[in-house]
PDB file of N, CA and C in Angstrom:
ATOM      1  N   MET A   1      36.510 220.498 112.699  1.00  0.00           N
ATOM      2  CA  MET A   1      35.842 219.332 113.248  1.00  0.00           C
ATOM      3  C   MET A   1      36.010 219.346 114.764  1.00  0.00           C
ATOM      4  N   VAL A   2      34.909 219.095 115.463  1.00  0.00           N
ATOM      5  CA  VAL A   2      34.934 219.013 116.924  1.00  0.00           C
ATOM      6  C   VAL A   2      34.286 217.695 117.342  1.00  0.00           C
ATOM      7  N   SER A   3      34.754 217.155 118.470  1.00  0.00           N
ATOM      8  CA  SER A   3      34.156 215.910 118.960  1.00  0.00           C
ATOM      9  C   SER A   3      34.190 215.898 120.484  1.00  0.00           C
ATOM     10  N   GLN A   4      33.310 215.093 121.035  1.00  0.00           N
ATOM     11  CA  GLN A   4      33.219 214.980 122.492  1.00  0.00           C
ATOM     12  C   GLN A   4      32.558 213.657 122.842  1.00  0.00           C
ATOM     13  N   LYS A   5      33.043 213.041 123.919  1.00  0.00           N
ATOM     14  CA  LYS A   5      32.417 211.819 124.410  1.00  0.00           C
ATOM     15  C   LYS A   5      31.300 212.193 125.371  1.00  0.00           C
ATOM     16  N   VAL A   6      30.213 211.442 125.287  1.00  0.00           N
ATOM     17  CA  VAL A   6      29.065 211.686 126.164  1.00  0.00           C
ATOM     18  C   VAL A   6      28.419 210.349 126.502  1.00  0.00           C
ATOM     19  N   LYS A   7      27.969 210.231 127.755  1.00  0.00           N
ATOM     20  CA  LYS A   7      27.335 208.988 128.213  1.00  0.00           C
ATOM     21  C   LYS A   7      25.828 209.085 128.020  1.00  0.00           C
ATOM     22  N   VAL A   8      25.241 208.030 127.482  1.00  0.00           N
ATOM     23  CA  VAL A   8      23.785 207.963 127.293  1.00  0.00           C
ATOM     24  C   VAL A   8      23.165 207.608 128.643  1.00  0.00           C
ATOM     25  N   VAL A   9      22.293 208.500 129.143  1.00  0.00           N
ATOM     26  CA  VAL A   9      21.756 208.329 130.498  1.00  0.00           C
ATOM     27  C   VAL A   9      20.303 207.868 130.538  1.00  0.00           C
ATOM     28  N   ASN A  10      19.578 207.993 129.429  1.00  0.00           N
ATOM     29  CA  ASN A  10      18.174 207.584 129.506  1.00  0.00           C
ATOM     30  C   ASN A  10      18.086 206.063 129.671  1.00  0.00           C
ATOM     31  N   PRO A  11      17.146 205.589 130.487  1.00  0.00           N
ATOM     32  CA  PRO A  11      17.102 204.187 130.910  1.00  0.00           C
ATOM     33  C   PRO A  11      16.982 203.163 129.778  1.00  0.00           C
ATOM     34  N   THR A  12      16.396 203.555 128.673  1.00  0.00           N
ATOM     35  CA  THR A  12      16.172 202.582 127.596  1.00  0.00           C
ATOM     36  C   THR A  12      17.172 202.713 126.461  1.00  0.00           C
ATOM     37  N   GLY A  13      18.177 203.556 126.606  1.00  0.00           N
ATOM     38  CA  GLY A  13      19.158 203.728 125.545  1.00  0.00           C
ATOM     39  C   GLY A  13      18.557 204.470 124.359  1.00  0.00           C
ATOM     40  N   LEU A  14      19.155 204.301 123.201  1.00  0.00           N
ATOM     41  CA  LEU A  14      18.669 205.004 122.009  1.00  0.00           C
ATOM     42  C   LEU A  14      17.687 204.131 121.224  1.00  0.00           C
ATOM     43  N   HIS A  15      16.519 203.889 121.805  1.00  0.00           N
ATOM     44  CA  HIS A  15      15.459 203.186 121.079  1.00  0.00           C
ATOM     45  C   HIS A  15      14.722 204.202 120.216  1.00  0.00           C
ATOM     46  N   LEU A  16      13.596 203.857 119.642  1.00  0.00           N
ATOM     47  CA  LEU A  16      12.956 204.670 118.606  1.00  0.00           C
ATOM     48  C   LEU A  16      12.649 206.112 119.025  1.00  0.00           C
ATOM     49  N   ARG A  17      12.018 206.321 120.152  1.00  0.00           N
ATOM     50  CA  ARG A  17      11.633 207.690 120.534  1.00  0.00           C
ATOM     51  C   ARG A  17      12.845 208.588 120.770  1.00  0.00           C
ATOM     52  N   PRO A  18      13.806 208.199 121.633  1.00  0.00           N
ATOM     53  CA  PRO A  18      14.966 209.071 121.816  1.00  0.00           C
ATOM     54  C   PRO A  18      15.832 209.184 120.559  1.00  0.00           C
ATOM     55  N   ALA A  19      15.873 208.142 119.746  1.00  0.00           N
ATOM     56  CA  ALA A  19      16.623 208.224 118.480  1.00  0.00           C
ATOM     57  C   ALA A  19      15.989 209.281 117.576  1.00  0.00           C
ATOM     58  N   GLY A  20      14.670 209.322 117.550  1.00  0.00           N
ATOM     59  CA  GLY A  20      13.962 210.325 116.757  1.00  0.00           C
ATOM     60  C   GLY A  20      14.224 211.733 117.265  1.00  0.00           C
ATOM     61  N   ILE A  21      14.267 211.889 118.593  1.00  0.00           N
ATOM     62  CA  ILE A  21      14.551 213.196 119.184  1.00  0.00           C
ATOM     63  C   ILE A  21      15.973 213.627 118.848  1.00  0.00           C
ATOM     64  N   LEU A  22      16.923 212.696 118.928  1.00  0.00           N
ATOM     65  CA  LEU A  22      18.313 212.995 118.583  1.00  0.00           C
ATOM     66  C   LEU A  22      18.427 213.426 117.121  1.00  0.00           C
ATOM     67  N   CYS A  23      17.768 212.698 116.236  1.00  0.00           N
ATOM     68  CA  CYS A  23      17.810 213.028 114.809  1.00  0.00           C
ATOM     69  C   CYS A  23      17.170 214.387 114.534  1.00  0.00           C
ATOM     70  N   LYS A  24      16.051 214.643 115.180  1.00  0.00           N
ATOM     71  CA  LYS A  24      15.362 215.925 114.994  1.00  0.00           C
ATOM     72  C   LYS A  24      16.261 217.083 115.419  1.00  0.00           C
ATOM     73  N   GLU A  25      16.968 216.911 116.523  1.00  0.00           N
ATOM     74  CA  GLU A  25      17.893 217.935 117.008  1.00  0.00           C
ATOM     75  C   GLU A  25      19.068 218.087 116.028  1.00  0.00           C
ATOM     76  N   ALA A  26      19.589 216.983 115.538  1.00  0.00           N
ATOM     77  CA  ALA A  26      20.724 217.031 114.609  1.00  0.00           C
ATOM     78  C   ALA A  26      20.344 217.692 113.285  1.00  0.00           C
ATOM     79  N   MET A  27      19.109 217.507 112.852  1.00  0.00           N
ATOM     80  CA  MET A  27      18.659 218.070 111.574  1.00  0.00           C
ATOM     81  C   MET A  27      18.587 219.598 111.600  1.00  0.00           C
ATOM     82  N   LYS A  28      18.630 220.201 112.766  1.00  0.00           N
ATOM     83  CA  LYS A  28      18.584 221.657 112.881  1.00  0.00           C
ATOM     84  C   LYS A  28      19.893 222.305 112.410  1.00  0.00           C
ATOM     85  N   PHE A  29      20.924 221.492 112.241  1.00  0.00           N
ATOM     86  CA  PHE A  29      22.243 222.021 111.924  1.00  0.00           C
ATOM     87  C   PHE A  29      22.706 221.595 110.528  1.00  0.00           C
ATOM     88  N   LYS A  30      23.530 222.443 109.915  1.00  0.00           N
ATOM     89  CA  LYS A  30      24.055 222.155 108.584  1.00  0.00           C
ATOM     90  C   LYS A  30      25.220 221.176 108.627  1.00  0.00           C
ATOM     91  N   SER A  31      25.901 221.102 109.742  1.00  0.00           N
ATOM     92  CA  SER A  31      27.100 220.273 109.876  1.00  0.00           C
ATOM     93  C   SER A  31      26.804 218.782 109.693  1.00  0.00           C
ATOM     94  N   LEU A  32      27.840 218.069 109.280  1.00  0.00           N
ATOM     95  CA  LEU A  32      27.794 216.611 109.255  1.00  0.00           C
ATOM     96  C   LEU A  32      27.939 216.162 110.701  1.00  0.00           C
ATOM     97  N   ILE A  33      26.986 215.377 111.188  1.00  0.00           N
ATOM     98  CA  ILE A  33      26.996 214.956 112.591  1.00  0.00           C
ATOM     99  C   ILE A  33      26.950 213.432 112.645  1.00  0.00           C
ATOM    100  N   THR A  34      27.990 212.859 113.239  1.00  0.00           N
ATOM    101  CA  THR A  34      28.059 211.406 113.384  1.00  0.00           C
ATOM    102  C   THR A  34      28.423 211.086 114.826  1.00  0.00           C
ATOM    103  N   PHE A  35      28.267 209.809 115.179  1.00  0.00           N
ATOM    104  CA  PHE A  35      28.801 209.362 116.457  1.00  0.00           C
ATOM    105  C   PHE A  35      29.385 207.973 116.299  1.00  0.00           C
ATOM    106  N   SER A  36      30.395 207.719 117.105  1.00  0.00           N
ATOM    107  CA  SER A  36      31.076 206.430 117.087  1.00  0.00           C
ATOM    108  C   SER A  36      30.739 205.676 118.355  1.00  0.00           C
ATOM    109  N   PHE A  37      30.493 204.378 118.179  1.00  0.00           N
ATOM    110  CA  PHE A  37      30.219 203.509 119.320  1.00  0.00           C
ATOM    111  C   PHE A  37      30.591 202.088 118.945  1.00  0.00           C
ATOM    112  N   ASP A  38      31.370 201.463 119.782  1.00  0.00           N
ATOM    113  CA  ASP A  38      31.720 200.053 119.623  1.00  0.00           C
ATOM    114  C   ASP A  38      32.310 199.768 118.236  1.00  0.00           C
ATOM    115  N   GLY A  39      33.159 200.661 117.749  1.00  0.00           N
ATOM    116  CA  GLY A  39      33.833 200.455 116.472  1.00  0.00           C
ATOM    117  C   GLY A  39      33.017 200.805 115.243  1.00  0.00           C
ATOM    118  N   CYS A  40      31.798 201.265 115.426  1.00  0.00           N
ATOM    119  CA  CYS A  40      30.942 201.631 114.304  1.00  0.00           C
ATOM    120  C   CYS A  40      30.672 203.136 114.325  1.00  0.00           C
ATOM    121  N   THR A  41      30.387 203.688 113.159  1.00  0.00           N
ATOM    122  CA  THR A  41      30.035 205.098 113.053  1.00  0.00           C
ATOM    123  C   THR A  41      28.613 205.205 112.527  1.00  0.00           C
ATOM    124  N   ALA A  42      27.812 206.058 113.170  1.00  0.00           N
ATOM    125  CA  ALA A  42      26.412 206.235 112.788  1.00  0.00           C
ATOM    126  C   ALA A  42      26.160 207.684 112.417  1.00  0.00           C
ATOM    127  N   ASN A  43      25.285 207.891 111.447  1.00  0.00           N
ATOM    128  CA  ASN A  43      24.851 209.224 111.054  1.00  0.00           C
ATOM    129  C   ASN A  43      23.762 209.671 112.028  1.00  0.00           C
ATOM    130  N   ALA A  44      24.010 210.749 112.767  1.00  0.00           N
ATOM    131  CA  ALA A  44      23.050 211.197 113.777  1.00  0.00           C
ATOM    132  C   ALA A  44      21.789 211.794 113.166  1.00  0.00           C
ATOM    133  N   LYS A  45      21.775 212.017 111.854  1.00  0.00           N
ATOM    134  CA  LYS A  45      20.595 212.564 111.187  1.00  0.00           C
ATOM    135  C   LYS A  45      19.713 211.471 110.592  1.00  0.00           C
ATOM    136  N   SER A  46      20.085 210.208 110.801  1.00  0.00           N
ATOM    137  CA  SER A  46      19.324 209.074 110.277  1.00  0.00           C
ATOM    138  C   SER A  46      18.838 208.193 111.427  1.00  0.00           C
ATOM    139  N   VAL A  47      17.523 208.093 111.586  1.00  0.00           N
ATOM    140  CA  VAL A  47      16.964 207.276 112.664  1.00  0.00           C
ATOM    141  C   VAL A  47      17.422 205.820 112.535  1.00  0.00           C
ATOM    142  N   LEU A  48      17.420 205.279 111.331  1.00  0.00           N
ATOM    143  CA  LEU A  48      17.835 203.891 111.143  1.00  0.00           C
ATOM    144  C   LEU A  48      19.301 203.687 111.512  1.00  0.00           C
ATOM    145  N   SER A  49      20.134 204.647 111.182  1.00  0.00           N
ATOM    146  CA  SER A  49      21.547 204.566 111.526  1.00  0.00           C
ATOM    147  C   SER A  49      21.740 204.608 113.037  1.00  0.00           C
ATOM    148  N   VAL A  50      21.006 205.489 113.714  1.00  0.00           N
ATOM    149  CA  VAL A  50      21.088 205.596 115.170  1.00  0.00           C
ATOM    150  C   VAL A  50      20.594 204.308 115.828  1.00  0.00           C
ATOM    151  N   LEU A  51      19.475 203.787 115.364  1.00  0.00           N
ATOM    152  CA  LEU A  51      18.937 202.539 115.921  1.00  0.00           C
ATOM    153  C   LEU A  51      19.892 201.373 115.691  1.00  0.00           C
ATOM    154  N   GLY A  52      20.535 201.354 114.530  1.00  0.00           N
ATOM    155  CA  GLY A  52      21.461 200.274 114.179  1.00  0.00           C
ATOM    156  C   GLY A  52      22.694 200.224 115.059  1.00  0.00           C
ATOM    157  N   ALA A  53      23.003 201.322 115.737  1.00  0.00           N
ATOM    158  CA  ALA A  53      24.178 201.350 116.610  1.00  0.00           C
ATOM    159  C   ALA A  53      23.950 200.589 117.916  1.00  0.00           C
ATOM    160  N   CYS A  54      22.691 200.328 118.259  1.00  0.00           N
ATOM    161  CA  CYS A  54      22.319 199.546 119.452  1.00  0.00           C
ATOM    162  C   CYS A  54      22.948 200.108 120.731  1.00  0.00           C
ATOM    163  N   VAL A  55      22.787 201.410 120.941  1.00  0.00           N
ATOM    164  CA  VAL A  55      23.340 202.066 122.119  1.00  0.00           C
ATOM    165  C   VAL A  55      22.383 201.884 123.295  1.00  0.00           C
ATOM    166  N   LYS A  56      22.927 201.435 124.414  1.00  0.00           N
ATOM    167  CA  LYS A  56      22.124 201.173 125.609  1.00  0.00           C
ATOM    168  C   LYS A  56      22.461 202.190 126.699  1.00  0.00           C
ATOM    169  N   CYS A  57      21.670 202.191 127.749  1.00  0.00           N
ATOM    170  CA  CYS A  57      21.897 203.084 128.887  1.00  0.00           C
ATOM    171  C   CYS A  57      23.285 202.824 129.475  1.00  0.00           C
ATOM    172  N   GLY A  58      24.011 203.894 129.732  1.00  0.00           N
ATOM    173  CA  GLY A  58      25.346 203.783 130.312  1.00  0.00           C
ATOM    174  C   GLY A  58      26.460 203.698 129.285  1.00  0.00           C
ATOM    175  N   ASP A  59      26.114 203.483 128.021  1.00  0.00           N
ATOM    176  CA  ASP A  59      27.129 203.432 126.966  1.00  0.00           C
ATOM    177  C   ASP A  59      27.656 204.830 126.686  1.00  0.00           C
ATOM    178  N   GLU A  60      28.926 204.909 126.326  1.00  0.00           N
ATOM    179  CA  GLU A  60      29.533 206.188 125.983  1.00  0.00           C
ATOM    180  C   GLU A  60      29.741 206.249 124.476  1.00  0.00           C
ATOM    181  N   ILE A  61      29.244 207.320 123.866  1.00  0.00           N
ATOM    182  CA  ILE A  61      29.417 207.524 122.434  1.00  0.00           C
ATOM    183  C   ILE A  61      30.302 208.753 122.227  1.00  0.00           C
ATOM    184  N   GLU A  62      30.937 208.822 121.073  1.00  0.00           N
ATOM    185  CA  GLU A  62      31.729 210.004 120.739  1.00  0.00           C
ATOM    186  C   GLU A  62      31.060 210.726 119.586  1.00  0.00           C
ATOM    187  N   LEU A  63      30.508 211.894 119.887  1.00  0.00           N
ATOM    188  CA  LEU A  63      29.864 212.733 118.878  1.00  0.00           C
ATOM    189  C   LEU A  63      30.928 213.503 118.103  1.00  0.00           C
ATOM    190  N   THR A  64      30.759 213.585 116.786  1.00  0.00           N
ATOM    191  CA  THR A  64      31.663 214.357 115.945  1.00  0.00           C
ATOM    192  C   THR A  64      30.825 215.243 115.037  1.00  0.00           C
ATOM    193  N   CYS A  65      31.148 216.525 115.005  1.00  0.00           N
ATOM    194  CA  CYS A  65      30.445 217.496 114.171  1.00  0.00           C
ATOM    195  C   CYS A  65      31.463 218.194 113.281  1.00  0.00           C
ATOM    196  N   GLU A  66      31.111 218.333 112.006  1.00  0.00           N
ATOM    197  CA  GLU A  66      32.020 218.971 111.059  1.00  0.00           C
ATOM    198  C   GLU A  66      31.223 219.870 110.135  1.00  0.00           C
ATOM    199  N   GLY A  67      31.499 221.170 110.187  1.00  0.00           N
ATOM    200  CA  GLY A  67      30.799 222.107 109.324  1.00  0.00           C
ATOM    201  C   GLY A  67      30.758 223.496 109.920  1.00  0.00           C
ATOM    202  N   SER A  68      29.981 224.367 109.302  1.00  0.00           N
ATOM    203  CA  SER A  68      29.954 225.778 109.673  1.00  0.00           C
ATOM    204  C   SER A  68      29.386 226.042 111.066  1.00  0.00           C
ATOM    205  N   ASP A  69      28.498 225.172 111.539  1.00  0.00           N
ATOM    206  CA  ASP A  69      27.892 225.366 112.861  1.00  0.00           C
ATOM    207  C   ASP A  69      28.233 224.213 113.809  1.00  0.00           C
ATOM    208  N   GLU A  70      29.439 223.666 113.639  1.00  0.00           N
ATOM    209  CA  GLU A  70      29.834 222.464 114.378  1.00  0.00           C
ATOM    210  C   GLU A  70      29.839 222.646 115.897  1.00  0.00           C
ATOM    211  N   LYS A  71      30.317 223.780 116.381  1.00  0.00           N
ATOM    212  CA  LYS A  71      30.383 223.986 117.836  1.00  0.00           C
ATOM    213  C   LYS A  71      28.993 224.068 118.451  1.00  0.00           C
ATOM    214  N   GLU A  72      28.095 224.782 117.789  1.00  0.00           N
ATOM    215  CA  GLU A  72      26.721 224.901 118.284  1.00  0.00           C
ATOM    216  C   GLU A  72      26.023 223.538 118.256  1.00  0.00           C
ATOM    217  N   ALA A  73      26.261 222.780 117.186  1.00  0.00           N
ATOM    218  CA  ALA A  73      25.659 221.456 117.068  1.00  0.00           C
ATOM    219  C   ALA A  73      26.145 220.534 118.178  1.00  0.00           C
ATOM    220  N   LEU A  74      27.440 220.540 118.427  1.00  0.00           N
ATOM    221  CA  LEU A  74      28.001 219.674 119.468  1.00  0.00           C
ATOM    222  C   LEU A  74      27.432 220.030 120.835  1.00  0.00           C
ATOM    223  N   GLU A  75      27.356 221.319 121.140  1.00  0.00           N
ATOM    224  CA  GLU A  75      26.797 221.748 122.424  1.00  0.00           C
ATOM    225  C   GLU A  75      25.343 221.325 122.576  1.00  0.00           C
ATOM    226  N   ALA A  76      24.548 221.530 121.531  1.00  0.00           N
ATOM    227  CA  ALA A  76      23.123 221.201 121.596  1.00  0.00           C
ATOM    228  C   ALA A  76      22.898 219.693 121.743  1.00  0.00           C
ATOM    229  N   LEU A  77      23.645 218.902 120.991  1.00  0.00           N
ATOM    230  CA  LEU A  77      23.438 217.454 121.027  1.00  0.00           C
ATOM    231  C   LEU A  77      23.944 216.835 122.332  1.00  0.00           C
ATOM    232  N   THR A  78      25.082 217.297 122.830  1.00  0.00           N
ATOM    233  CA  THR A  78      25.543 216.755 124.110  1.00  0.00           C
ATOM    234  C   THR A  78      24.576 217.125 125.235  1.00  0.00           C
ATOM    235  N   ALA A  79      24.034 218.338 125.188  1.00  0.00           N
ATOM    236  CA  ALA A  79      23.045 218.748 126.198  1.00  0.00           C
ATOM    237  C   ALA A  79      21.790 217.887 126.099  1.00  0.00           C
ATOM    238  N   ALA A  80      21.340 217.593 124.894  1.00  0.00           N
ATOM    239  CA  ALA A  80      20.145 216.773 124.701  1.00  0.00           C
ATOM    240  C   ALA A  80      20.360 215.352 125.214  1.00  0.00           C
ATOM    241  N   ILE A  81      21.526 214.789 124.941  1.00  0.00           N
ATOM    242  CA  ILE A  81      21.817 213.422 125.387  1.00  0.00           C
ATOM    243  C   ILE A  81      21.950 213.388 126.912  1.00  0.00           C
ATOM    244  N   ARG A  82      22.648 214.347 127.479  1.00  0.00           N
ATOM    245  CA  ARG A  82      22.793 214.405 128.940  1.00  0.00           C
ATOM    246  C   ARG A  82      21.448 214.645 129.621  1.00  0.00           C
ATOM    247  N   GLY A  83      20.542 215.310 128.913  1.00  0.00           N
ATOM    248  CA  GLY A  83      19.213 215.569 129.461  1.00  0.00           C
ATOM    249  C   GLY A  83      18.255 214.391 129.325  1.00  0.00           C
ATOM    250  N   GLY A  84      18.694 213.306 128.739  1.00  0.00           N
ATOM    251  CA  GLY A  84      17.882 212.096 128.649  1.00  0.00           C
ATOM    252  C   GLY A  84      17.020 211.989 127.412  1.00  0.00           C
ATOM    253  N   LEU A  85      17.150 212.904 126.463  1.00  0.00           N
ATOM    254  CA  LEU A  85      16.396 212.864 125.200  1.00  0.00           C
ATOM    255  C   LEU A  85      14.901 212.698 125.426  1.00  0.00           C
ATOM    256  N   GLY A  86      14.368 213.470 126.356  1.00  0.00           N
ATOM    257  CA  GLY A  86      12.932 213.472 126.581  1.00  0.00           C
ATOM    258  C   GLY A  86      12.399 212.377 127.482  1.00  0.00           C
ATOM    259  N   GLU A  87      13.279 211.626 128.086  1.00  0.00           N
ATOM    260  CA  GLU A  87      12.799 210.542 128.964  1.00  0.00           C
ATOM    261  C   GLU A  87      13.208 210.784 130.397  1.00  0.00           C
TER     262      GLU A  87
END
């Protein structure tokens, strides 16, 4: 299991479009991918779970990946979040 904290930089936070991009990226990997924010844990492969976390711009989340491709998944997802998830 690997984890890393990352700050959400896109101006609108994880609303529908960036949440969909995050989920699409997470679905490329076999690992279980979750993130923790404000005492809650969300499944990064579920758009509804990501939206339910109510993550806003400037919030810091902790990504956790567990599985055979966990390191690659963590690198790809942190890069996507730091890159603004298409915004």
